[in-house]
Protein backbone atom coordinates (compact mmCIF):
# COMPACT_ATOMS: atom_id res chain seq x y z
CA UNK A 1 -49.58 -8.05 -0.66
CA UNK A 2 -53.04 -9.41 -1.53
CA UNK A 3 -54.96 -7.32 -4.06
CA UNK A 4 -58.28 -9.07 -4.34
CA UNK A 5 -59.47 -7.36 -7.50
CA UNK A 6 -57.37 -9.97 -9.32
CA UNK A 7 -54.88 -9.57 -12.12
CA UNK A 8 -57.63 -9.29 -14.70
CA UNK A 9 -58.87 -6.11 -13.04
CA UNK A 10 -55.61 -4.27 -13.53
CA UNK A 11 -54.07 -2.45 -16.40
CA UNK A 12 -50.53 -3.83 -16.45
CA UNK A 13 -48.72 -0.77 -17.76
CA UNK A 14 -45.55 0.30 -15.97
CA UNK A 15 -45.01 -3.29 -14.74
CA UNK A 16 -47.83 -2.98 -12.22
CA UNK A 17 -49.49 -6.32 -11.41
CA UNK A 18 -51.61 -7.79 -8.67
CA UNK A 19 -50.87 -11.28 -7.43
CA UNK A 20 -53.45 -13.03 -5.28
CA UNK A 21 -52.24 -14.88 -2.21
CA UNK A 22 -51.93 -18.62 -2.55
CA UNK A 23 -55.24 -20.39 -1.96
CA UNK A 24 -57.29 -17.19 -2.01
CA UNK A 25 -60.67 -17.63 -3.68
CA UNK A 26 -61.49 -14.47 -5.63
CA UNK A 27 -65.22 -13.70 -5.79
CA UNK A 28 -66.56 -13.67 -9.36
CA UNK A 29 -63.04 -14.45 -10.60
CA UNK A 30 -64.24 -15.81 -13.94
CA UNK A 31 -65.67 -12.45 -15.00
CA UNK A 32 -63.80 -10.22 -17.43
CA UNK A 33 -63.40 -6.44 -17.16
CA UNK A 34 -66.81 -4.82 -16.92
CA UNK A 35 -66.61 -2.70 -20.07
CA UNK A 36 -65.95 -5.79 -22.18
CA UNK A 37 -69.54 -6.93 -21.57
CA UNK A 38 -71.17 -3.98 -23.34
CA UNK A 39 -73.01 -5.29 -26.38
CA UNK A 40 -71.48 -2.79 -28.76
CA UNK A 41 -73.33 -4.16 -31.76
CA UNK A 42 -76.68 -3.48 -30.13
CA UNK A 43 -75.60 -0.38 -28.18
CA UNK A 44 -72.79 1.19 -30.24
CA UNK A 45 -72.73 4.48 -28.30
CA UNK A 46 -73.09 3.05 -24.79
CA UNK A 47 -70.12 3.81 -22.54
CA UNK A 48 -69.28 3.22 -18.91
CA UNK A 49 -67.47 5.89 -16.92
CA UNK A 50 -65.85 6.06 -13.51
CA UNK A 51 -65.34 9.04 -11.20
CA UNK A 52 -62.05 9.35 -9.32
CA UNK A 53 -59.60 11.95 -8.11
CA UNK A 54 -56.83 13.28 -10.33
CA UNK A 55 -54.25 12.43 -7.67
CA UNK A 56 -55.46 8.81 -7.46
CA UNK A 57 -55.41 8.45 -11.23
CA UNK A 58 -51.95 9.94 -11.59
CA UNK A 59 -50.49 7.61 -8.95
CA UNK A 60 -51.25 4.76 -11.39
CA UNK A 61 -51.95 2.33 -8.57
CA UNK A 62 -55.12 0.54 -7.50
CA UNK A 63 -57.78 3.13 -8.42
CA UNK A 64 -56.10 3.87 -11.73
CA UNK A 65 -55.78 0.21 -12.63
CA UNK A 66 -59.39 -0.61 -11.81
CA UNK A 67 -60.60 2.41 -13.78
CA UNK A 68 -58.62 1.92 -17.01
CA UNK A 69 -59.29 -1.81 -17.10
CA UNK A 70 -63.01 -1.74 -16.42
CA UNK A 71 -64.31 1.60 -17.72
CA UNK A 72 -64.40 3.44 -21.05
CA UNK A 73 -63.90 6.93 -19.71
CA UNK A 74 -63.01 8.83 -16.58
CA UNK A 75 -64.48 11.83 -14.80
CA UNK A 76 -62.67 13.83 -12.15
CA UNK A 77 -65.40 15.64 -10.25
CA UNK A 78 -64.39 19.12 -9.12
CA UNK A 79 -60.64 18.50 -9.41
CA UNK A 80 -60.51 19.94 -12.93
CA UNK A 81 -62.75 22.91 -12.09
CA UNK A 82 -61.59 26.52 -11.86
CA UNK A 83 -61.93 26.65 -8.07
CA UNK A 84 -59.30 23.91 -7.79
CA UNK A 85 -56.97 25.12 -10.54
CA UNK A 86 -57.01 28.92 -10.02
CA UNK A 87 -55.63 30.43 -6.82
CA UNK A 88 -56.75 33.74 -5.32
CA UNK A 89 -54.11 35.66 -7.29
CA UNK A 90 -55.24 34.17 -10.60
CA UNK A 91 -52.34 31.72 -10.99
CA UNK A 92 -53.55 28.59 -12.80
CA UNK A 93 -51.97 25.20 -12.08
CA UNK A 94 -52.61 22.68 -14.86
CA UNK A 95 -49.72 20.32 -14.02
CA UNK A 96 -51.91 17.48 -12.71
CA UNK A 97 -54.32 17.85 -15.60
CA UNK A 98 -51.47 17.72 -18.11
CA UNK A 99 -50.10 14.57 -16.47
CA UNK A 100 -53.40 12.73 -16.61
CA UNK A 101 -54.24 13.83 -20.16
CA UNK A 102 -50.84 12.77 -21.39
CA UNK A 103 -51.29 9.34 -19.83
CA UNK A 104 -54.89 8.96 -21.03
CA UNK A 105 -53.72 9.72 -24.54
CA UNK A 106 -51.05 7.01 -24.26
CA UNK A 107 -53.50 4.32 -23.18
CA UNK A 108 -56.27 5.36 -25.58
CA UNK A 109 -58.77 6.35 -22.90
CA UNK A 110 -61.21 9.25 -22.74
CA UNK A 111 -61.94 11.93 -20.15
CA UNK A 112 -65.31 13.55 -19.53
CA UNK A 113 -64.60 17.18 -18.66
CA UNK A 114 -65.44 18.65 -15.26
CA UNK A 115 -67.93 21.53 -15.32
CA UNK A 116 -66.35 24.53 -17.01
CA UNK A 117 -68.61 26.87 -15.05
CA UNK A 118 -70.57 26.39 -11.84
CA UNK A 119 -71.70 28.22 -8.73
CA UNK A 120 -69.81 25.81 -6.50
CA UNK A 121 -66.04 25.35 -6.63
CA UNK A 122 -65.51 28.54 -8.56
CA UNK A 123 -62.41 30.73 -7.99
CA UNK A 124 -64.03 33.04 -5.44
CA UNK A 125 -60.74 34.57 -4.29
CA UNK A 126 -59.67 35.45 -7.82
CA UNK A 127 -63.08 36.82 -8.79
CA UNK A 128 -63.17 38.94 -5.62
CA UNK A 129 -59.73 40.32 -6.42
CA UNK A 130 -60.70 41.10 -10.01
CA UNK A 131 -63.90 42.89 -9.03
CA UNK A 132 -62.47 44.68 -5.98
CA UNK A 133 -63.05 48.45 -5.65
CA UNK A 134 -60.87 50.70 -7.79
CA UNK A 135 -58.28 52.97 -6.15
CA UNK A 136 -58.97 56.67 -6.71
CA UNK A 137 -57.42 59.99 -5.69
CA UNK A 138 -59.04 61.62 -2.65
CA UNK A 139 -58.46 64.87 -0.75
CA UNK A 140 -58.35 65.11 3.07
CA UNK A 141 -61.56 66.31 4.71
CA UNK A 142 -61.54 68.64 7.73
CA UNK A 143 -64.25 67.39 10.07
CA UNK A 144 -63.97 69.73 13.06
CA UNK A 145 -61.87 72.59 14.36
CA UNK A 146 -62.10 73.91 17.92
CA UNK A 147 -60.26 77.04 19.10
CA UNK A 148 -60.30 77.23 22.89
CA UNK A 149 -58.28 80.47 22.89
CA UNK A 150 -61.46 82.39 22.02
CA UNK A 151 -63.87 80.55 24.37
CA UNK A 152 -65.08 81.72 27.74
CA UNK A 153 -66.92 78.55 28.78
CA UNK A 154 -66.48 74.81 28.13
CA UNK A 155 -69.71 73.13 26.99
CA UNK A 156 -68.29 69.80 25.86
CA UNK A 157 -68.73 66.34 27.37
CA UNK A 158 -67.05 65.57 30.68
CA UNK A 159 -67.12 61.83 31.32
CA UNK A 160 -65.27 62.21 34.62
CA UNK A 161 -64.18 65.45 36.24
CA UNK A 162 -61.20 66.26 38.41
CA UNK A 163 -61.33 65.92 42.17
CA UNK A 164 -62.15 68.67 44.62
CA UNK A 165 -62.08 72.17 43.18
CA UNK A 166 -59.84 71.11 40.29
CA UNK A 167 -62.48 71.00 37.53
CA UNK A 168 -62.52 70.98 33.76
CA UNK A 169 -62.82 74.60 32.65
CA UNK A 170 -61.67 77.37 30.33
CA UNK A 171 -58.75 79.20 31.91
CA UNK A 172 -58.63 82.81 30.79
CA UNK A 173 -55.32 84.30 29.71
CA UNK A 174 -53.64 81.02 30.55
CA UNK A 175 -50.33 81.89 28.99
CA UNK A 176 -50.72 85.65 29.36
CA UNK A 177 -52.10 85.94 25.89
CA UNK A 178 -55.03 83.58 25.21
CA UNK A 179 -57.48 81.25 26.89
CA UNK A 180 -57.03 77.43 27.13
CA UNK A 181 -59.03 74.36 28.13
CA UNK A 182 -57.83 72.75 31.35
CA UNK A 183 -58.20 68.97 31.63
CA UNK A 184 -57.44 68.30 35.31
CA UNK A 185 -55.66 65.27 36.70
CA UNK A 186 -57.67 62.04 36.63
CA UNK A 187 -60.39 63.56 34.41
CA UNK A 188 -61.84 62.10 31.21
CA UNK A 189 -62.87 64.78 28.75
CA UNK A 190 -64.00 64.98 25.14
CA UNK A 191 -61.68 67.71 23.82
CA UNK A 192 -63.49 67.61 20.45
CA UNK A 193 -66.82 66.11 19.42
CA UNK A 194 -69.86 66.49 17.22
CA UNK A 195 -68.54 65.42 13.82
CA UNK A 196 -69.87 62.79 11.41
CA UNK A 197 -68.04 59.50 11.01
CA UNK A 198 -66.84 57.81 7.85
CA UNK A 199 -66.61 54.10 8.81
CA UNK A 200 -63.86 53.57 6.24
CA UNK A 201 -62.05 56.83 6.88
CA UNK A 202 -58.56 57.16 8.33
CA UNK A 203 -58.50 59.98 10.91
CA UNK A 204 -55.86 62.28 12.40
CA UNK A 205 -56.48 64.42 15.47
CA UNK A 206 -54.04 67.31 15.92
CA UNK A 207 -54.00 69.42 19.09
CA UNK A 208 -51.68 71.72 21.01
CA UNK A 209 -51.08 70.74 24.64
CA UNK A 210 -49.04 72.14 27.52
CA UNK A 211 -48.12 70.68 30.93
CA UNK A 212 -46.00 71.97 33.79
CA UNK A 213 -44.28 68.58 34.20
CA UNK A 214 -43.79 65.62 31.85
CA UNK A 215 -47.03 63.68 31.48
CA UNK A 216 -48.66 60.91 29.46
CA UNK A 217 -52.23 60.61 28.28
CA UNK A 218 -54.49 57.86 26.91
CA UNK A 219 -56.74 58.57 23.93
CA UNK A 220 -60.09 57.22 22.74
CA UNK A 221 -61.46 58.03 19.28
CA UNK A 222 -65.14 57.31 18.55
CA UNK A 223 -65.35 54.40 21.01
CA UNK A 224 -62.01 53.03 19.82
CA UNK A 225 -59.49 53.02 22.69
CA UNK A 226 -56.00 53.34 21.29
CA UNK A 227 -54.06 50.35 22.53
CA UNK A 228 -50.94 48.31 21.90
CA UNK A 229 -52.52 44.87 22.25
CA UNK A 230 -53.60 42.67 25.13
CA UNK A 231 -51.89 41.41 28.27
CA UNK A 232 -51.71 37.77 29.39
CA UNK A 233 -55.19 38.07 30.91
CA UNK A 234 -56.67 39.35 27.66
CA UNK A 235 -57.08 42.95 28.88
CA UNK A 236 -56.26 45.83 26.54
CA UNK A 237 -52.95 47.59 27.09
CA UNK A 238 -53.61 51.28 26.48
CA UNK A 239 -51.15 53.20 24.37
CA UNK A 240 -49.69 56.22 26.19
CA UNK A 241 -48.79 59.45 24.44
CA UNK A 242 -46.06 61.58 26.07
CA UNK A 243 -46.32 65.34 26.51
CA UNK A 244 -43.06 67.07 27.46
CA UNK A 245 -43.09 70.04 29.83
CA UNK A 246 -42.10 73.47 28.56
CA UNK A 247 -44.26 75.35 26.08
CA UNK A 248 -46.95 74.27 23.67
CA UNK A 249 -46.43 70.82 22.09
CA UNK A 250 -48.08 69.81 18.84
CA UNK A 251 -49.64 66.34 19.19
CA UNK A 252 -50.51 64.33 16.08
CA UNK A 253 -52.55 61.22 16.84
CA UNK A 254 -52.74 59.36 13.51
CA UNK A 255 -54.29 56.27 11.91
CA UNK A 256 -57.46 56.55 13.95
CA UNK A 257 -60.51 54.54 12.93
CA UNK A 258 -63.98 54.56 14.52
CA UNK A 259 -65.05 51.49 16.43
CA UNK A 260 -67.20 49.19 14.29
CA UNK A 261 -70.55 50.29 15.74
CA UNK A 262 -69.62 53.85 16.72
CA UNK A 263 -72.20 56.54 15.91
CA UNK A 264 -70.74 59.63 17.63
CA UNK A 265 -67.57 61.35 16.55
CA UNK A 266 -65.39 62.42 19.49
CA UNK A 267 -61.82 62.38 20.82
CA UNK A 268 -61.32 61.88 24.56
CA UNK A 269 -58.15 62.18 26.64
CA UNK A 270 -57.50 60.75 30.09
CA UNK A 271 -54.77 59.13 32.16
CA UNK A 272 -52.91 62.30 33.22
CA UNK A 273 -52.23 61.42 36.84
CA UNK A 274 -49.49 63.94 37.66
CA UNK A 275 -50.31 67.17 35.87
CA UNK A 276 -53.21 69.14 34.44
CA UNK A 277 -53.21 69.23 30.64
CA UNK A 278 -54.01 72.49 28.85
CA UNK A 279 -55.38 72.49 25.32
CA UNK A 280 -55.59 75.55 23.08
CA UNK A 281 -56.85 74.17 19.74
CA UNK A 282 -57.94 70.84 18.19
CA UNK A 283 -58.46 69.79 14.58
CA UNK A 284 -59.93 66.55 13.20
CA UNK A 285 -59.11 65.54 9.61
CA UNK A 286 -59.78 62.31 7.80
CA UNK A 287 -58.75 60.75 4.51
CA UNK A 288 -61.82 59.13 2.92
CA UNK A 289 -61.60 55.60 1.61
CA UNK A 290 -59.62 55.96 -1.59
CA UNK A 291 -61.57 53.23 -3.39
CA UNK A 292 -64.84 53.16 -5.26
CA UNK A 293 -66.89 50.18 -6.35
CA UNK A 294 -66.50 49.13 -9.95
CA UNK A 295 -69.34 50.22 -12.17
CA UNK A 296 -71.78 47.63 -13.50
CA UNK A 297 -70.07 47.77 -16.89
CA UNK A 298 -66.60 47.46 -15.34
CA UNK A 299 -67.67 44.36 -13.40
CA UNK A 300 -69.18 42.85 -16.55
CA UNK A 301 -66.00 43.55 -18.49
CA UNK A 302 -63.96 42.02 -15.66
CA UNK A 303 -66.06 38.87 -15.54
CA UNK A 304 -65.81 38.52 -19.31
CA UNK A 305 -62.05 38.79 -18.94
CA UNK A 306 -62.15 36.01 -16.32
CA UNK A 307 -64.27 33.78 -18.56
CA UNK A 308 -61.98 34.28 -21.53
CA UNK A 309 -58.82 33.80 -19.46
CA UNK A 310 -60.06 30.59 -17.84
CA UNK A 311 -61.33 29.06 -21.12
CA UNK A 312 -58.22 30.10 -23.03
CA UNK A 313 -55.90 28.37 -20.56
CA UNK A 314 -58.15 25.33 -20.02
CA UNK A 315 -58.37 24.64 -23.73
CA UNK A 316 -54.71 25.44 -24.34
CA UNK A 317 -53.61 22.65 -21.99
CA UNK A 318 -56.44 20.40 -23.06
CA UNK A 319 -55.29 20.68 -26.70
CA UNK A 320 -58.48 19.04 -27.99
CA UNK A 321 -58.08 15.86 -25.92
CA UNK A 322 -61.20 16.24 -23.75
CA UNK A 323 -64.09 16.43 -26.22
CA UNK A 324 -67.11 16.31 -23.90
CA UNK A 325 -67.65 18.75 -21.04
CA UNK A 326 -70.23 19.71 -18.51
CA UNK A 327 -70.65 23.32 -19.55
CA UNK A 328 -72.74 24.46 -16.58
CA UNK A 329 -73.34 22.61 -13.33
CA UNK A 330 -76.43 22.83 -11.11
CA UNK A 331 -77.47 26.36 -12.03
CA UNK A 332 -81.17 25.94 -11.21
CA UNK A 333 -82.58 27.13 -7.87
CA UNK A 334 -85.72 26.02 -6.02
CA UNK A 335 -87.30 29.50 -6.16
CA UNK A 336 -89.84 30.18 -8.87
CA UNK A 337 -88.89 32.67 -11.59
CA UNK A 338 -91.19 35.68 -11.39
CA UNK A 339 -93.98 35.56 -13.94
CA UNK A 340 -93.44 31.88 -14.82
CA UNK A 341 -94.09 28.38 -13.50
CA UNK A 342 -90.38 27.52 -13.70
CA UNK A 343 -87.56 27.62 -11.21
CA UNK A 344 -85.18 30.57 -11.41
CA UNK A 345 -81.41 30.24 -11.67
CA UNK A 346 -79.40 30.52 -8.49
CA UNK A 347 -78.36 34.01 -7.48
CA UNK A 348 -76.15 35.34 -4.71
CA UNK A 349 -75.87 38.54 -2.70
CA UNK A 350 -72.45 37.81 -1.20
CA UNK A 351 -70.62 35.85 -3.92
CA UNK A 352 -70.02 36.46 -7.59
CA UNK A 353 -72.20 34.16 -9.68
CA UNK A 354 -71.50 34.29 -13.39
CA UNK A 355 -75.21 34.51 -14.26
CA UNK A 356 -75.67 37.56 -12.01
CA UNK A 357 -73.17 39.49 -14.11
CA UNK A 358 -73.86 38.09 -17.57
CA UNK A 359 -77.63 37.87 -17.11
CA UNK A 360 -79.56 34.63 -16.73
CA UNK A 361 -80.54 34.56 -20.42
CA UNK A 362 -76.95 35.04 -21.59
CA UNK A 363 -75.15 32.79 -19.08
CA UNK A 364 -74.86 29.65 -21.20
CA UNK A 365 -74.66 31.47 -24.56
CA UNK A 366 -71.64 33.52 -23.48
CA UNK A 367 -69.70 30.72 -21.85
CA UNK A 368 -70.41 28.16 -24.59
CA UNK A 369 -69.24 30.57 -27.30
CA UNK A 370 -66.06 31.44 -25.42
CA UNK A 371 -65.27 27.82 -24.51
CA UNK A 372 -66.01 26.52 -28.02
CA UNK A 373 -63.85 29.21 -29.64
CA UNK A 374 -60.93 28.43 -27.31
CA UNK A 375 -61.36 24.69 -27.92
CA UNK A 376 -61.11 25.14 -31.68
CA UNK A 377 -58.26 27.65 -31.40
CA UNK A 378 -56.15 25.09 -29.56
CA UNK A 379 -56.55 22.18 -31.94
CA UNK A 380 -59.94 20.75 -31.01
CA UNK A 381 -62.25 19.37 -33.68
CA UNK A 382 -65.47 21.45 -33.52
CA UNK A 383 -67.49 18.51 -34.83
CA UNK A 384 -66.37 16.36 -31.89
CA UNK A 385 -67.06 18.94 -29.15
CA UNK A 386 -70.06 18.20 -26.93
CA UNK A 387 -71.43 20.44 -24.16
CA UNK A 388 -73.75 19.07 -21.47
CA UNK A 389 -75.88 20.86 -18.90
CA UNK A 390 -75.43 19.05 -15.59
CA UNK A 391 -78.28 19.08 -13.10
CA UNK A 392 -79.57 17.09 -10.14
CA UNK A 393 -83.11 16.46 -8.93
CA UNK A 394 -84.55 15.99 -12.40
CA UNK A 395 -86.93 13.34 -11.10
CA UNK A 396 -88.95 16.31 -9.79
CA UNK A 397 -91.22 17.35 -12.65
CA UNK A 398 -90.93 21.09 -12.05
CA UNK A 399 -87.14 20.86 -11.92
CA UNK A 400 -87.09 18.90 -15.18
CA UNK A 401 -89.44 21.32 -16.92
CA UNK A 402 -87.36 24.23 -15.61
CA UNK A 403 -84.23 22.70 -17.15
CA UNK A 404 -85.99 22.42 -20.50
CA UNK A 405 -87.17 26.04 -20.20
CA UNK A 406 -83.68 27.37 -19.54
CA UNK A 407 -82.07 25.24 -22.24
CA UNK A 408 -84.53 26.69 -24.78
CA UNK A 409 -83.83 30.23 -23.56
CA UNK A 410 -80.10 29.64 -23.85
CA UNK A 411 -80.28 27.94 -27.24
CA UNK A 412 -82.52 30.70 -28.58
CA UNK A 413 -79.72 33.09 -27.59
CA UNK A 414 -77.06 31.07 -29.39
CA UNK A 415 -75.82 28.55 -26.82
CA UNK A 416 -74.40 25.19 -27.92
CA UNK A 417 -76.09 22.51 -25.78
CA UNK A 418 -75.66 18.94 -26.95
CA UNK A 419 -76.77 16.94 -23.96
CA UNK A 420 -78.04 16.59 -20.41
CA UNK A 421 -75.94 15.11 -17.64
CA UNK A 422 -78.55 13.93 -15.13
CA UNK A 423 -77.14 13.42 -11.64
CA UNK A 424 -78.82 10.50 -9.92
CA UNK A 425 -79.67 10.13 -6.24
CA UNK A 426 -80.93 6.57 -5.99
CA UNK A 427 -81.83 4.27 -3.11
CA UNK A 428 -82.91 0.65 -3.06
CA UNK A 429 -85.60 0.07 -0.43
CA UNK A 430 -86.68 -3.18 1.22
CA UNK A 431 -90.13 -1.64 1.49
CA UNK A 432 -91.92 -2.93 -1.61
CA UNK A 433 -94.16 0.13 -2.05
CA UNK A 434 -91.24 2.53 -1.74
CA UNK A 435 -89.16 0.52 -4.18
CA UNK A 436 -92.00 0.37 -6.69
CA UNK A 437 -92.35 4.15 -6.47
CA UNK A 438 -88.59 4.59 -6.95
CA UNK A 439 -88.63 2.44 -10.07
CA UNK A 440 -91.64 4.26 -11.48
CA UNK A 441 -89.99 7.64 -10.86
CA UNK A 442 -86.79 6.45 -12.55
CA UNK A 443 -88.74 5.15 -15.55
CA UNK A 444 -90.52 8.51 -15.92
CA UNK A 445 -87.22 10.38 -15.67
CA UNK A 446 -85.66 8.28 -18.41
CA UNK A 447 -88.71 8.70 -20.64
CA UNK A 448 -88.65 12.47 -20.12
CA UNK A 449 -84.93 12.61 -20.88
CA UNK A 450 -85.41 10.54 -24.03
CA UNK A 451 -88.08 12.93 -25.30
CA UNK A 452 -85.67 15.88 -25.25
CA UNK A 453 -83.75 14.47 -28.20
CA UNK A 454 -80.49 15.42 -26.45
CA UNK A 455 -77.53 13.23 -25.64
CA UNK A 456 -78.25 11.72 -22.23
CA UNK A 457 -75.62 10.90 -19.66
CA UNK A 458 -76.37 9.59 -16.17
CA UNK A 459 -73.81 10.39 -13.51
CA UNK A 460 -73.38 9.90 -9.77
CA UNK A 461 -74.54 6.33 -10.37
CA UNK A 462 -74.32 5.15 -6.77
CA UNK A 463 -77.28 3.35 -5.22
CA UNK A 464 -77.58 3.26 -1.45
CA UNK A 465 -79.49 0.61 0.50
CA UNK A 466 -82.38 1.27 2.89
CA UNK A 467 -84.07 -1.31 5.07
CA UNK A 468 -87.84 -1.63 5.41
CA UNK A 469 -87.86 1.07 8.10
CA UNK A 470 -86.10 3.54 5.81
CA UNK A 471 -82.70 3.49 7.53
CA UNK A 472 -79.48 3.27 5.55
CA UNK A 473 -77.63 -0.04 5.65
CA UNK A 474 -73.88 0.50 5.76
CA UNK A 475 -71.24 -1.32 3.74
CA UNK A 476 -69.93 -3.07 6.85
CA UNK A 477 -73.39 -4.34 7.85
CA UNK A 478 -74.93 -5.34 4.53
CA UNK A 479 -75.63 -9.07 4.11
CA UNK A 480 -75.00 -11.12 0.97
CA UNK A 481 -78.74 -11.34 0.39
CA UNK A 482 -79.14 -7.57 0.66
CA UNK A 483 -76.13 -7.01 -1.57
CA UNK A 484 -77.74 -9.18 -4.25
CA UNK A 485 -80.98 -7.17 -4.10
CA UNK A 486 -78.96 -4.01 -4.48
CA UNK A 487 -77.04 -5.53 -7.40
CA UNK A 488 -80.28 -6.48 -9.10
CA UNK A 489 -81.45 -2.87 -8.93
CA UNK A 490 -78.19 -1.66 -10.45
CA UNK A 491 -78.84 -4.07 -13.31
CA UNK A 492 -82.40 -2.78 -13.62
CA UNK A 493 -81.23 0.84 -14.00
CA UNK A 494 -78.61 -0.08 -16.60
CA UNK A 495 -81.12 -2.04 -18.68
CA UNK A 496 -83.76 0.69 -18.45
CA UNK A 497 -81.29 3.30 -19.61
CA UNK A 498 -80.23 1.24 -22.62
CA UNK A 499 -83.83 0.34 -23.49
CA UNK A 500 -85.32 3.84 -23.04
CA UNK A 501 -82.66 6.20 -24.37
CA UNK A 502 -82.28 5.85 -28.16
CA UNK A 503 -78.94 4.46 -29.27
CA UNK A 504 -77.88 7.67 -30.98
CA UNK A 505 -78.50 9.65 -27.75
CA UNK A 506 -76.74 7.32 -25.32
CA UNK A 507 -73.82 9.23 -23.82
CA UNK A 508 -73.30 6.59 -21.15
CA UNK A 509 -73.48 6.10 -17.40
CA UNK A 510 -70.80 7.23 -14.96
CA UNK A 511 -70.22 5.45 -11.65
CA UNK A 512 -69.91 7.76 -8.69
CA UNK A 513 -67.61 5.47 -6.69
CA UNK A 514 -65.98 2.33 -7.99
CA UNK A 515 -65.59 0.82 -4.51
CA UNK A 516 -67.72 0.98 -1.37
CA UNK A 517 -67.62 4.07 0.77
CA UNK A 518 -69.39 3.87 4.12
CA UNK A 519 -72.31 2.85 1.90
CA UNK A 520 -72.36 -0.36 -0.18
CA UNK A 521 -72.24 1.49 -3.49
CA UNK A 522 -69.29 -0.24 -5.14
CA UNK A 523 -68.56 -2.86 -7.74
CA UNK A 524 -65.89 -3.73 -5.19
CA UNK A 525 -66.03 -3.88 -1.42
CA UNK A 526 -62.99 -2.83 0.61
CA UNK A 527 -61.26 -5.25 2.97
CA UNK A 528 -61.08 -3.28 6.26
CA UNK A 529 -57.73 -4.79 7.20
CA UNK A 530 -55.77 -4.93 3.95
CA UNK A 531 -57.73 -2.22 2.07
CA UNK A 532 -57.83 -4.61 -0.91
CA UNK A 533 -60.78 -4.39 -3.30
CA UNK A 534 -63.02 -7.45 -3.59
CA UNK A 535 -65.61 -7.89 -6.34
CA UNK A 536 -69.23 -7.73 -5.21
CA UNK A 537 -72.51 -8.97 -6.68
CA UNK A 538 -72.83 -5.51 -8.23
CA UNK A 539 -69.82 -6.28 -10.43
CA UNK A 540 -71.63 -9.31 -11.79
CA UNK A 541 -74.86 -7.34 -12.19
CA UNK A 542 -73.07 -4.77 -14.34
CA UNK A 543 -71.62 -7.49 -16.54
CA UNK A 544 -74.96 -9.22 -17.01
CA UNK A 545 -76.94 -6.04 -17.69
CA UNK A 546 -74.42 -4.61 -20.16
CA UNK A 547 -74.35 -7.87 -22.11
CA UNK A 548 -78.13 -7.92 -22.35
CA UNK A 549 -78.84 -10.79 -19.94
């Protein structure tokens, strides 16, 4: 099989090699692995990272080989985040992480840790389970009692009456002793009504009925027709309740719940086609929902338990091997914080966001303290541990200033924040004015980042290509000339980063995709037939820029 990245692109552990087909001319074949071009004398802290999936890395095939041969460190996106590792019952699966860390340790590589906490890809199922309402003891509530034996007139609701002279009515001395309500054949009558509804309650209606021949009835409770399912045409199949002839029969209709939008409490019977049904008394009882919401303090305690449990297990299996982490990922919203000129943090009304429970001011302080303590407990060197705040859109001045505001708030409250991981969203444009503006914006961003004095890492380093009309040019359509322009801009960004960010603050640049996607973002293009990777002009641009050319 042809693997056009060439042998030099591959780490040859486990006897894995790539052999080019005879006569195949490999583009840029004389170039060495990309990371070897970094001028480490001039830029001693500069590193080059690659983003890939844990599964692709652990297969130790093409993606793995390209990554370990050409890049200093590896990032794994959301595949090492709690939402991927923790299931809804709280079971944590670190097997894939342990495999990759063991292998990285063998080959002397480094991993940049996925965000420890974020709003996205968090373990929503587990957090919902942990903060679910608490079960409590409840007593049944009697909602309504009707005694027809003492009534002279029926004043309830008759949806449909009997035919002819056979009407719904109170029959006096029905059984020679007391009165009873008669529900005639083919009638539909509310035998009890006028009680409040608990939407979460579980109801039981108990009544005494008598018929002169065996009969069945159909029941509706608060707009909820009792049924056994649907037929082949999708129509409800009503459940029928049997009443045996011969004396008063006690009927217990249980597990009744109001229809979702029901507002009136009632119990209606119908469906007696062969005999009148006599009712002497009816009682409605419900068991209230036997759960209560957790108190604010209980939820806070629960979330602190979740934070400690996640960090404890993450750092236990990490065992000090990952030394740099995104602590918090994309926490800043686009809504202005009341009383300030800065953006607020993100908040949610339907999901559990850590900052909503811990408080915006304490979000980073709490999680950095817990994560750092767990890291040290499980063999990590505290002096080597670095926490980054990861954020996108920092080319927008208000977003950048908001990040600085929140970092100061968090640090003032005891958070450990060593660096900023700035997520890029770059385009090269054939329109000269647009491209000039893009470069100026990038330059300003780098200057602003440098002024923070923090470690600076650039991630999501994928540049897409737009034509003069502003439309994206796909990987399959891009020309060699366009690819070279794109490569030149990659080189420009690399050089600007190394020139603008002081050496001691350079935490490196991480490639979003090593190879082309549908966009021409890769150091390699992908052969559509063989799926082989072929070096592009961007590969050469990386080599030249990193070496200082």
